[in-house]
PDB file of N, CA and C in Angstrom:
ATOM      1  N   MET A   1     -40.924 -43.789 149.396  1.00  0.00           N
ATOM      2  CA  MET A   1     -41.823 -44.778 149.388  1.00  0.00           C
ATOM      3  C   MET A   1     -40.821 -46.048 148.781  1.00  0.00           C
ATOM      4  N   LYS A   2     -40.824 -46.863 149.870  1.00  0.00           N
ATOM      5  CA  LYS A   2     -39.558 -48.162 149.611  1.00  0.00           C
ATOM      6  C   LYS A   2     -40.488 -49.354 148.791  1.00  0.00           C
ATOM      7  N   ILE A   3     -39.925 -50.112 148.080  1.00  0.00           N
ATOM      8  CA  ILE A   3     -40.623 -51.366 147.597  1.00  0.00           C
ATOM      9  C   ILE A   3     -40.988 -52.412 148.747  1.00  0.00           C
ATOM     10  N   ASP A   4     -40.687 -52.288 149.686  1.00  0.00           N
ATOM     11  CA  ASP A   4     -41.040 -53.055 151.035  1.00  0.00           C
ATOM     12  C   ASP A   4     -42.558 -52.747 151.424  1.00  0.00           C
ATOM     13  N   GLU A   5     -42.533 -51.468 151.371  1.00  0.00           N
ATOM     14  CA  GLU A   5     -44.247 -50.811 151.968  1.00  0.00           C
ATOM     15  C   GLU A   5     -44.723 -51.129 150.716  1.00  0.00           C
ATOM     16  N   LEU A   6     -44.576 -50.957 149.100  1.00  0.00           N
ATOM     17  CA  LEU A   6     -45.316 -51.163 148.159  1.00  0.00           C
ATOM     18  C   LEU A   6     -45.753 -52.784 148.140  1.00  0.00           C
ATOM     19  N   THR A   7     -45.032 -53.619 148.512  1.00  0.00           N
ATOM     20  CA  THR A   7     -45.371 -55.110 148.506  1.00  0.00           C
ATOM     21  C   THR A   7     -46.384 -55.345 149.651  1.00  0.00           C
ATOM     22  N   MET A   8     -46.339 -54.733 150.500  1.00  0.00           N
ATOM     23  CA  MET A   8     -47.507 -54.797 151.792  1.00  0.00           C
ATOM     24  C   MET A   8     -48.944 -54.454 151.315  1.00  0.00           C
ATOM     25  N   LEU A   9     -49.250 -53.591 150.311  1.00  0.00           N
ATOM     26  CA  LEU A   9     -50.293 -52.941 149.764  1.00  0.00           C
ATOM     27  C   LEU A   9     -51.072 -53.675 149.152  1.00  0.00           C
ATOM     28  N   GLU A  10     -52.562 -53.533 149.130  1.00  0.00           N
ATOM     29  CA  GLU A  10     -53.555 -54.329 148.195  1.00  0.00           C
ATOM     30  C   GLU A  10     -53.147 -53.587 146.950  1.00  0.00           C
ATOM     31  N   ALA A  11     -53.659 -54.316 145.982  1.00  0.00           N
ATOM     32  CA  ALA A  11     -53.928 -54.129 144.402  1.00  0.00           C
ATOM     33  C   ALA A  11     -54.623 -52.628 144.254  1.00  0.00           C
ATOM     34  N   ASP A  12     -55.780 -52.177 145.210  1.00  0.00           N
ATOM     35  CA  ASP A  12     -56.493 -51.412 144.933  1.00  0.00           C
ATOM     36  C   ASP A  12     -55.790 -49.935 145.660  1.00  0.00           C
ATOM     37  N   GLU A  13     -54.970 -50.046 146.697  1.00  0.00           N
ATOM     38  CA  GLU A  13     -54.273 -49.163 147.313  1.00  0.00           C
ATOM     39  C   GLU A  13     -53.186 -48.645 146.462  1.00  0.00           C
ATOM     40  N   LEU A  14     -52.563 -49.585 145.836  1.00  0.00           N
ATOM     41  CA  LEU A  14     -51.456 -49.510 144.872  1.00  0.00           C
ATOM     42  C   LEU A  14     -51.971 -48.672 143.548  1.00  0.00           C
ATOM     43  N   ASP A  15     -53.203 -48.876 143.093  1.00  0.00           N
ATOM     44  CA  ASP A  15     -53.639 -48.101 141.894  1.00  0.00           C
ATOM     45  C   ASP A  15     -53.936 -46.708 142.600  1.00  0.00           C
ATOM     46  N   GLY A  16     -54.351 -46.574 143.489  1.00  0.00           N
ATOM     47  CA  GLY A  16     -54.639 -45.348 144.331  1.00  0.00           C
ATOM     48  C   GLY A  16     -53.359 -44.226 144.051  1.00  0.00           C
ATOM     49  N   ARG A  17     -52.506 -45.103 145.040  1.00  0.00           N
ATOM     50  CA  ARG A  17     -51.166 -44.610 144.964  1.00  0.00           C
ATOM     51  C   ARG A  17     -50.650 -44.101 143.504  1.00  0.00           C
ATOM     52  N   LEU A  18     -50.743 -45.063 142.597  1.00  0.00           N
ATOM     53  CA  LEU A  18     -50.285 -44.613 141.153  1.00  0.00           C
ATOM     54  C   LEU A  18     -50.787 -43.389 140.373  1.00  0.00           C
ATOM     55  N   ARG A  19     -52.307 -43.466 140.708  1.00  0.00           N
ATOM     56  CA  ARG A  19     -52.896 -42.279 140.233  1.00  0.00           C
ATOM     57  C   ARG A  19     -52.618 -41.089 140.871  1.00  0.00           C
ATOM     58  N   THR A  20     -52.239 -41.001 142.215  1.00  0.00           N
ATOM     59  CA  THR A  20     -51.820 -39.784 142.798  1.00  0.00           C
ATOM     60  C   THR A  20     -50.506 -39.399 142.389  1.00  0.00           C
ATOM     61  N   ALA A  21     -49.410 -40.380 142.247  1.00  0.00           N
ATOM     62  CA  ALA A  21     -48.199 -40.124 141.719  1.00  0.00           C
ATOM     63  C   ALA A  21     -48.215 -39.512 140.417  1.00  0.00           C
ATOM     64  N   ARG A  22     -49.196 -39.830 139.316  1.00  0.00           N
ATOM     65  CA  ARG A  22     -49.213 -39.476 138.056  1.00  0.00           C
ATOM     66  C   ARG A  22     -49.713 -38.020 138.127  1.00  0.00           C
ATOM     67  N   ARG A  23     -50.554 -38.118 138.953  1.00  0.00           N
ATOM     68  CA  ARG A  23     -51.167 -36.460 139.271  1.00  0.00           C
ATOM     69  C   ARG A  23     -49.893 -35.634 139.693  1.00  0.00           C
ATOM     70  N   GLU A  24     -49.272 -35.906 140.700  1.00  0.00           N
ATOM     71  CA  GLU A  24     -48.114 -35.122 141.052  1.00  0.00           C
ATOM     72  C   GLU A  24     -46.961 -34.707 139.981  1.00  0.00           C
ATOM     73  N   LEU A  25     -46.938 -36.020 139.361  1.00  0.00           N
ATOM     74  CA  LEU A  25     -46.074 -35.597 138.213  1.00  0.00           C
ATOM     75  C   LEU A  25     -46.586 -34.737 137.036  1.00  0.00           C
ATOM     76  N   TYR A  26     -47.628 -34.826 136.984  1.00  0.00           N
ATOM     77  CA  TYR A  26     -48.176 -33.729 135.866  1.00  0.00           C
ATOM     78  C   TYR A  26     -48.197 -32.203 136.350  1.00  0.00           C
ATOM     79  N   GLU A  27     -48.440 -31.994 137.723  1.00  0.00           N
ATOM     80  CA  GLU A  27     -48.348 -30.996 138.401  1.00  0.00           C
ATOM     81  C   GLU A  27     -46.930 -30.574 138.443  1.00  0.00           C
ATOM     82  N   LEU A  28     -45.916 -31.212 138.810  1.00  0.00           N
ATOM     83  CA  LEU A  28     -44.520 -30.737 138.708  1.00  0.00           C
ATOM     84  C   LEU A  28     -44.003 -30.232 137.375  1.00  0.00           C
ATOM     85  N   ARG A  29     -44.680 -31.104 136.461  1.00  0.00           N
ATOM     86  CA  ARG A  29     -43.971 -30.731 135.316  1.00  0.00           C
ATOM     87  C   ARG A  29     -44.703 -29.507 134.687  1.00  0.00           C
ATOM     88  N   PHE A  30     -45.911 -29.121 135.089  1.00  0.00           N
ATOM     89  CA  PHE A  30     -46.630 -27.824 134.736  1.00  0.00           C
ATOM     90  C   PHE A  30     -45.695 -26.929 135.569  1.00  0.00           C
ATOM     91  N   LYS A  31     -45.478 -26.961 136.822  1.00  0.00           N
ATOM     92  CA  LYS A  31     -44.830 -25.998 137.470  1.00  0.00           C
ATOM     93  C   LYS A  31     -43.356 -25.657 137.047  1.00  0.00           C
ATOM     94  N   HIS A  32     -42.585 -26.799 136.528  1.00  0.00           N
ATOM     95  CA  HIS A  32     -41.451 -26.590 135.804  1.00  0.00           C
ATOM     96  C   HIS A  32     -41.251 -25.816 134.515  1.00  0.00           C
ATOM     97  N   ALA A  33     -42.544 -26.056 133.710  1.00  0.00           N
ATOM     98  CA  ALA A  33     -42.617 -25.243 132.547  1.00  0.00           C
ATOM     99  C   ALA A  33     -42.715 -23.868 132.491  1.00  0.00           C
ATOM    100  N   VAL A  34     -43.753 -23.559 133.755  1.00  0.00           N
ATOM    101  CA  VAL A  34     -44.221 -22.112 134.075  1.00  0.00           C
ATOM    102  C   VAL A  34     -42.806 -21.470 134.624  1.00  0.00           C
ATOM    103  N   GLY A  35     -41.783 -22.009 135.206  1.00  0.00           N
ATOM    104  CA  GLY A  35     -40.798 -21.588 135.959  1.00  0.00           C
ATOM    105  C   GLY A  35     -41.051 -21.247 137.512  1.00  0.00           C
ATOM    106  N   GLN A  36     -42.030 -22.115 138.275  1.00  0.00           N
ATOM    107  CA  GLN A  36     -42.367 -22.055 139.488  1.00  0.00           C
ATOM    108  C   GLN A  36     -41.834 -23.132 140.537  1.00  0.00           C
ATOM    109  N   LEU A  37     -41.348 -24.165 139.627  1.00  0.00           N
ATOM    110  CA  LEU A  37     -40.655 -25.245 140.487  1.00  0.00           C
ATOM    111  C   LEU A  37     -39.344 -24.835 141.023  1.00  0.00           C
ATOM    112  N   GLU A  38     -38.948 -24.917 142.263  1.00  0.00           N
ATOM    113  CA  GLU A  38     -37.622 -24.516 142.655  1.00  0.00           C
ATOM    114  C   GLU A  38     -36.697 -25.992 142.880  1.00  0.00           C
ATOM    115  N   ASN A  39     -37.065 -26.719 142.978  1.00  0.00           N
ATOM    116  CA  ASN A  39     -36.156 -27.978 143.201  1.00  0.00           C
ATOM    117  C   ASN A  39     -36.648 -29.171 142.037  1.00  0.00           C
ATOM    118  N   SER A  40     -36.324 -29.204 140.915  1.00  0.00           N
ATOM    119  CA  SER A  40     -36.474 -29.953 139.940  1.00  0.00           C
ATOM    120  C   SER A  40     -36.247 -31.545 139.912  1.00  0.00           C
ATOM    121  N   SER A  41     -35.447 -31.894 141.070  1.00  0.00           N
ATOM    122  CA  SER A  41     -35.125 -33.261 141.401  1.00  0.00           C
ATOM    123  C   SER A  41     -36.291 -33.936 141.839  1.00  0.00           C
ATOM    124  N   GLN A  42     -37.391 -33.174 142.256  1.00  0.00           N
ATOM    125  CA  GLN A  42     -38.796 -33.711 142.639  1.00  0.00           C
ATOM    126  C   GLN A  42     -39.258 -34.556 141.406  1.00  0.00           C
ATOM    127  N   ILE A  43     -38.969 -34.215 140.441  1.00  0.00           N
ATOM    128  CA  ILE A  43     -39.526 -34.770 139.063  1.00  0.00           C
ATOM    129  C   ILE A  43     -39.078 -36.173 139.253  1.00  0.00           C
ATOM    130  N   SER A  44     -37.651 -36.221 139.221  1.00  0.00           N
ATOM    131  CA  SER A  44     -37.116 -37.758 139.063  1.00  0.00           C
ATOM    132  C   SER A  44     -37.425 -38.634 140.134  1.00  0.00           C
ATOM    133  N   LYS A  45     -37.898 -38.061 141.305  1.00  0.00           N
ATOM    134  CA  LYS A  45     -38.465 -38.736 142.632  1.00  0.00           C
ATOM    135  C   LYS A  45     -39.527 -39.335 142.472  1.00  0.00           C
ATOM    136  N   VAL A  46     -40.431 -38.575 141.920  1.00  0.00           N
ATOM    137  CA  VAL A  46     -41.761 -39.154 141.499  1.00  0.00           C
ATOM    138  C   VAL A  46     -41.834 -40.107 140.441  1.00  0.00           C
ATOM    139  N   ARG A  47     -41.100 -39.640 139.543  1.00  0.00           N
ATOM    140  CA  ARG A  47     -40.860 -40.584 138.224  1.00  0.00           C
ATOM    141  C   ARG A  47     -40.449 -42.136 138.783  1.00  0.00           C
ATOM    142  N   HIS A  48     -39.444 -42.195 139.828  1.00  0.00           N
ATOM    143  CA  HIS A  48     -38.985 -43.359 140.402  1.00  0.00           C
ATOM    144  C   HIS A  48     -40.113 -44.118 141.177  1.00  0.00           C
ATOM    145  N   ASP A  49     -40.664 -43.382 141.899  1.00  0.00           N
ATOM    146  CA  ASP A  49     -42.056 -43.632 142.537  1.00  0.00           C
ATOM    147  C   ASP A  49     -42.789 -44.535 141.865  1.00  0.00           C
ATOM    148  N   ILE A  50     -43.201 -43.962 140.778  1.00  0.00           N
ATOM    149  CA  ILE A  50     -44.139 -44.418 139.716  1.00  0.00           C
ATOM    150  C   ILE A  50     -43.602 -45.759 139.141  1.00  0.00           C
ATOM    151  N   ALA A  51     -42.205 -45.900 138.885  1.00  0.00           N
ATOM    152  CA  ALA A  51     -41.570 -47.159 138.412  1.00  0.00           C
ATOM    153  C   ALA A  51     -41.781 -48.198 139.596  1.00  0.00           C
ATOM    154  N   ARG A  52     -41.481 -47.799 140.460  1.00  0.00           N
ATOM    155  CA  ARG A  52     -41.641 -48.809 141.812  1.00  0.00           C
ATOM    156  C   ARG A  52     -43.107 -49.601 141.689  1.00  0.00           C
ATOM    157  N   ILE A  53     -44.074 -48.775 141.858  1.00  0.00           N
ATOM    158  CA  ILE A  53     -45.486 -49.232 141.850  1.00  0.00           C
ATOM    159  C   ILE A  53     -45.726 -50.030 140.856  1.00  0.00           C
ATOM    160  N   MET A  54     -45.528 -49.497 139.537  1.00  0.00           N
ATOM    161  CA  MET A  54     -45.455 -50.138 138.373  1.00  0.00           C
ATOM    162  C   MET A  54     -45.034 -51.890 138.385  1.00  0.00           C
ATOM    163  N   THR A  55     -43.806 -51.702 139.022  1.00  0.00           N
ATOM    164  CA  THR A  55     -43.096 -53.164 139.027  1.00  0.00           C
ATOM    165  C   THR A  55     -43.692 -53.960 139.873  1.00  0.00           C
ATOM    166  N   VAL A  56     -44.073 -53.316 141.218  1.00  0.00           N
ATOM    167  CA  VAL A  56     -44.895 -54.108 142.145  1.00  0.00           C
ATOM    168  C   VAL A  56     -46.223 -54.874 141.359  1.00  0.00           C
ATOM    169  N   LEU A  57     -46.895 -54.078 140.736  1.00  0.00           N
ATOM    170  CA  LEU A  57     -48.066 -54.371 140.030  1.00  0.00           C
ATOM    171  C   LEU A  57     -48.026 -55.327 138.872  1.00  0.00           C
ATOM    172  N   ARG A  58     -46.924 -55.141 138.341  1.00  0.00           N
ATOM    173  CA  ARG A  58     -46.566 -56.169 137.070  1.00  0.00           C
ATOM    174  C   ARG A  58     -45.887 -57.452 137.571  1.00  0.00           C
ATOM    175  N   GLN A  59     -45.095 -57.282 138.587  1.00  0.00           N
ATOM    176  CA  GLN A  59     -44.740 -58.818 139.399  1.00  0.00           C
ATOM    177  C   GLN A  59     -46.077 -59.494 139.864  1.00  0.00           C
ATOM    178  N   ARG A  60     -47.034 -58.938 140.307  1.00  0.00           N
ATOM    179  CA  ARG A  60     -48.217 -59.683 140.569  1.00  0.00           C
ATOM    180  C   ARG A  60     -48.960 -60.221 139.608  1.00  0.00           C
ATOM    181  N   ASP A  61     -48.876 -59.261 138.494  1.00  0.00           N
ATOM    182  CA  ASP A  61     -49.688 -59.955 137.140  1.00  0.00           C
ATOM    183  C   ASP A  61     -48.911 -61.315 136.584  1.00  0.00           C
ATOM    184  N   PHE A  62     -47.491 -61.348 136.782  1.00  0.00           N
ATOM    185  CA  PHE A  62     -46.843 -62.254 136.329  1.00  0.00           C
ATOM    186  C   PHE A  62     -46.566 -63.518 137.493  1.00  0.00           C
ATOM    187  N   GLY A  63     -47.306 -63.232 138.875  1.00  0.00           N
ATOM    188  CA  GLY A  63     -47.113 -64.296 139.389  1.00  0.00           C
ATOM    189  C   GLY A  63     -45.972 -64.411 140.239  1.00  0.00           C
ATOM    190  N   VAL A  64     -44.750 -63.465 140.027  1.00  0.00           N
ATOM    191  CA  VAL A  64     -43.565 -63.488 140.738  1.00  0.00           C
ATOM    192  C   VAL A  64     -43.810 -63.263 142.366  1.00  0.00           C
ATOM    193  N   LEU A  65     -44.777 -61.988 142.417  1.00  0.00           N
ATOM    194  CA  LEU A  65     -45.050 -61.744 143.899  1.00  0.00           C
ATOM    195  C   LEU A  65     -46.315 -61.664 143.999  1.00  0.00           C
ATOM    196  N   ALA A  66     -46.785 -62.832 144.562  1.00  0.00           N
ATOM    197  CA  ALA A  66     -48.563 -62.954 144.549  1.00  0.00           C
ATOM    198  C   ALA A  66     -48.916 -61.978 145.605  1.00  0.00           C
ATOM    199  N   THR A  67     -48.378 -62.166 147.017  1.00  0.00           N
ATOM    200  CA  THR A  67     -49.051 -61.237 148.198  1.00  0.00           C
ATOM    201  C   THR A  67     -47.601 -60.675 148.914  1.00  0.00           C
ATOM    202  N   ALA A  68     -47.915 -60.439 150.211  1.00  0.00           N
ATOM    203  CA  ALA A  68     -46.695 -59.927 151.002  1.00  0.00           C
ATOM    204  C   ALA A  68     -46.085 -61.114 151.304  1.00  0.00           C
ATOM    205  N   PRO A  69     -44.748 -61.230 151.312  1.00  0.00           N
ATOM    206  CA  PRO A  69     -43.656 -62.404 151.405  1.00  0.00           C
ATOM    207  C   PRO A  69     -43.801 -62.318 153.117  1.00  0.00           C
ATOM    208  N   ALA A  70     -43.530 -63.935 153.143  1.00  0.00           N
ATOM    209  CA  ALA A  70     -43.935 -64.338 154.552  1.00  0.00           C
ATOM    210  C   ALA A  70     -42.412 -63.994 155.259  1.00  0.00           C
ATOM    211  N   PRO A  71     -42.531 -64.103 156.722  1.00  0.00           N
ATOM    212  CA  PRO A  71     -41.434 -63.827 157.661  1.00  0.00           C
ATOM    213  C   PRO A  71     -40.246 -64.886 157.244  1.00  0.00           C
ATOM    214  N   ALA A  72     -39.266 -64.695 157.483  1.00  0.00           N
ATOM    215  CA  ALA A  72     -38.128 -65.737 157.256  1.00  0.00           C
ATOM    216  C   ALA A  72     -38.537 -67.018 158.312  1.00  0.00           C
ATOM    217  N   ALA A  73     -38.833 -66.816 159.478  1.00  0.00           N
ATOM    218  CA  ALA A  73     -38.861 -67.842 160.193  1.00  0.00           C
ATOM    219  C   ALA A  73     -40.085 -68.911 159.768  1.00  0.00           C
ATOM    220  N   GLU A  74     -41.032 -68.490 159.019  1.00  0.00           N
ATOM    221  CA  GLU A  74     -42.068 -69.262 158.551  1.00  0.00           C
ATOM    222  C   GLU A  74     -41.889 -70.127 157.212  1.00  0.00           C
ATOM    223  N   LEU A  75     -40.430 -69.911 156.500  1.00  0.00           N
ATOM    224  CA  LEU A  75     -40.115 -70.444 155.266  1.00  0.00           C
ATOM    225  C   LEU A  75     -39.779 -71.821 155.440  1.00  0.00           C
ATOM    226  N   PRO A  76     -40.007 -72.645 154.716  1.00  0.00           N
ATOM    227  CA  PRO A  76     -39.609 -74.209 155.060  1.00  0.00           C
ATOM    228  C   PRO A  76     -38.275 -74.091 154.392  1.00  0.00           C
ATOM    229  N   ALA A  77     -37.460 -75.138 154.864  1.00  0.00           N
ATOM    230  CA  ALA A  77     -36.077 -75.206 154.695  1.00  0.00           C
ATOM    231  C   ALA A  77     -35.893 -76.374 153.240  1.00  0.00           C
ATOM    232  N   ALA A  78     -35.146 -75.708 152.705  1.00  0.00           N
ATOM    233  CA  ALA A  78     -34.948 -76.730 151.155  1.00  0.00           C
ATOM    234  C   ALA A  78     -34.115 -77.850 151.523  1.00  0.00           C
ATOM    235  N   ALA A  79     -34.398 -78.834 150.897  1.00  0.00           N
ATOM    236  CA  ALA A  79     -33.803 -80.155 150.983  1.00  0.00           C
ATOM    237  C   ALA A  79     -32.433 -80.239 150.087  1.00  0.00           C
ATOM    238  N   PRO A  80     -31.194 -80.318 150.694  1.00  0.00           N
ATOM    239  CA  PRO A  80     -29.841 -80.190 149.862  1.00  0.00           C
ATOM    240  C   PRO A  80     -29.808 -81.285 148.911  1.00  0.00           C
ATOM    241  N   GLU A  81     -30.098 -81.158 147.556  1.00  0.00           N
ATOM    242  CA  GLU A  81     -29.900 -82.229 146.493  1.00  0.00           C
ATOM    243  C   GLU A  81     -28.671 -81.801 145.777  1.00  0.00           C
ATOM    244  N   VAL A  82     -27.620 -81.098 146.292  1.00  0.00           N
ATOM    245  CA  VAL A  82     -26.574 -80.605 145.457  1.00  0.00           C
ATOM    246  C   VAL A  82     -25.315 -81.635 145.348  1.00  0.00           C
ATOM    247  N   THR A  83     -25.497 -82.570 146.194  1.00  0.00           N
ATOM    248  CA  THR A  83     -24.267 -83.197 146.474  1.00  0.00           C
ATOM    249  C   THR A  83     -24.280 -84.102 145.292  1.00  0.00           C
ATOM    250  N   GLU A  84     -25.099 -84.644 144.654  1.00  0.00           N
ATOM    251  CA  GLU A  84     -25.367 -85.443 143.334  1.00  0.00           C
ATOM    252  C   GLU A  84     -24.635 -84.527 142.131  1.00  0.00           C
ATOM    253  N   ALA A  85     -24.964 -83.159 142.107  1.00  0.00           N
ATOM    254  CA  ALA A  85     -24.597 -82.815 140.923  1.00  0.00           C
ATOM    255  C   ALA A  85     -23.025 -82.467 141.085  1.00  0.00           C
ATOM    256  N   LYS A  86     -22.536 -82.237 142.247  1.00  0.00           N
ATOM    257  CA  LYS A  86     -20.908 -81.970 142.346  1.00  0.00           C
ATOM    258  C   LYS A  86     -20.306 -83.445 141.971  1.00  0.00           C
ATOM    259  N   GLU A  87     -20.849 -84.596 142.090  1.00  0.00           N
ATOM    260  CA  GLU A  87     -20.191 -85.833 141.672  1.00  0.00           C
ATOM    261  C   GLU A  87     -20.195 -85.983 140.358  1.00  0.00           C
ATOM    262  N   GLU A  88     -21.208 -85.492 139.486  1.00  0.00           N
ATOM    263  CA  GLU A  88     -21.139 -85.513 138.112  1.00  0.00           C
ATOM    264  C   GLU A  88     -20.712 -84.196 137.408  1.00  0.00           C
ATOM    265  N   ALA A  89     -19.935 -83.624 138.113  1.00  0.00           N
ATOM    266  CA  ALA A  89     -19.413 -82.484 137.292  1.00  0.00           C
ATOM    267  C   ALA A  89     -18.439 -82.667 136.272  1.00  0.00           C
ATOM    268  N   LYS A  90     -18.371 -82.059 135.308  1.00  0.00           N
ATOM    269  CA  LYS A  90     -17.679 -82.029 134.171  1.00  0.00           C
ATOM    270  C   LYS A  90     -15.923 -81.808 134.440  1.00  0.00           C
ATOM    271  N   PRO A  91     -15.209 -82.547 133.781  1.00  0.00           N
ATOM    272  CA  PRO A  91     -13.726 -81.909 134.099  1.00  0.00           C
ATOM    273  C   PRO A  91     -13.319 -80.779 133.742  1.00  0.00           C
ATOM    274  N   LYS A  92     -12.492 -80.051 134.427  1.00  0.00           N
ATOM    275  CA  LYS A  92     -12.021 -78.494 133.719  1.00  0.00           C
ATOM    276  C   LYS A  92     -11.344 -78.678 132.581  1.00  0.00           C
ATOM    277  N   ARG A  93     -11.771 -77.783 131.643  1.00  0.00           N
ATOM    278  CA  ARG A  93     -10.861 -77.565 130.507  1.00  0.00           C
ATOM    279  C   ARG A  93      -9.667 -76.992 130.490  1.00  0.00           C
ATOM    280  N   GLY A  94      -8.428 -77.313 130.122  1.00  0.00           N
ATOM    281  CA  GLY A  94      -7.360 -76.534 130.226  1.00  0.00           C
ATOM    282  C   GLY A  94      -6.346 -77.184 129.147  1.00  0.00           C
ATOM    283  N   ARG A  95      -5.188 -76.438 129.190  1.00  0.00           N
ATOM    284  CA  ARG A  95      -4.278 -77.201 128.424  1.00  0.00           C
ATOM    285  C   ARG A  95      -3.536 -78.490 128.947  1.00  0.00           C
ATOM    286  N   LYS A  96      -3.475 -79.331 127.643  1.00  0.00           N
ATOM    287  CA  LYS A  96      -3.099 -80.532 128.150  1.00  0.00           C
ATOM    288  C   LYS A  96      -1.421 -80.310 128.643  1.00  0.00           C
ATOM    289  N   LYS A  97      -1.096 -81.103 129.519  1.00  0.00           N
ATOM    290  CA  LYS A  97       0.345 -80.783 129.911  1.00  0.00           C
ATOM    291  C   LYS A  97       1.286 -82.097 129.212  1.00  0.00           C
ATOM    292  N   THR A  98       2.189 -81.374 128.815  1.00  0.00           N
ATOM    293  CA  THR A  98       3.288 -81.942 127.925  1.00  0.00           C
ATOM    294  C   THR A  98       4.470 -82.364 128.703  1.00  0.00           C
ATOM    295  N   GLU A  99       5.454 -83.333 128.193  1.00  0.00           N
ATOM    296  CA  GLU A  99       6.374 -83.713 128.913  1.00  0.00           C
ATOM    297  C   GLU A  99       7.285 -82.489 129.605  1.00  0.00           C
ATOM    298  N   ASP A 100       7.196 -81.487 128.906  1.00  0.00           N
ATOM    299  CA  ASP A 100       8.305 -80.476 128.940  1.00  0.00           C
ATOM    300  C   ASP A 100       7.672 -79.498 130.155  1.00  0.00           C
ATOM    301  N   THR A 101       6.347 -79.376 130.388  1.00  0.00           N
ATOM    302  CA  THR A 101       5.830 -78.793 131.655  1.00  0.00           C
ATOM    303  C   THR A 101       5.612 -79.704 132.791  1.00  0.00           C
ATOM    304  N   LYS A 102       5.957 -80.921 132.926  1.00  0.00           N
ATOM    305  CA  LYS A 102       5.912 -81.755 133.937  1.00  0.00           C
ATOM    306  C   LYS A 102       6.826 -81.631 135.080  1.00  0.00           C
TER     307      LYS A 102
END
C-alpha cells in the first residue's frame, strides 16, 4: 500500500482499511505467539501500513492534505517575488582583512 493510493481514498474507506489492518496485525501477533507465523516481517509491514493510513488521516485533520492533490498541469504558477529579497540580503560575516592578508 503506497501513500499515493491512500491520499486518493475517502475518509470512510481509510477507516475501513485501518480497521482491517489492525485486525490483521492482531492475528499476526497471535500466530507469532503460538508459533504458526512463518514470516515475521509481515508484522512490520502491517505496522507500517497502519502508520501510513494514520498519517493521511491526521494530515486531513490538520488541513495539510484536504483532498486528493490536483494534477501538476492545473496548479497555478507562483509569482516570483524573490528578486527583492536578494537585493536586501545581509552581508556575509567573515574575518576582517588586515593589511598582511591583502
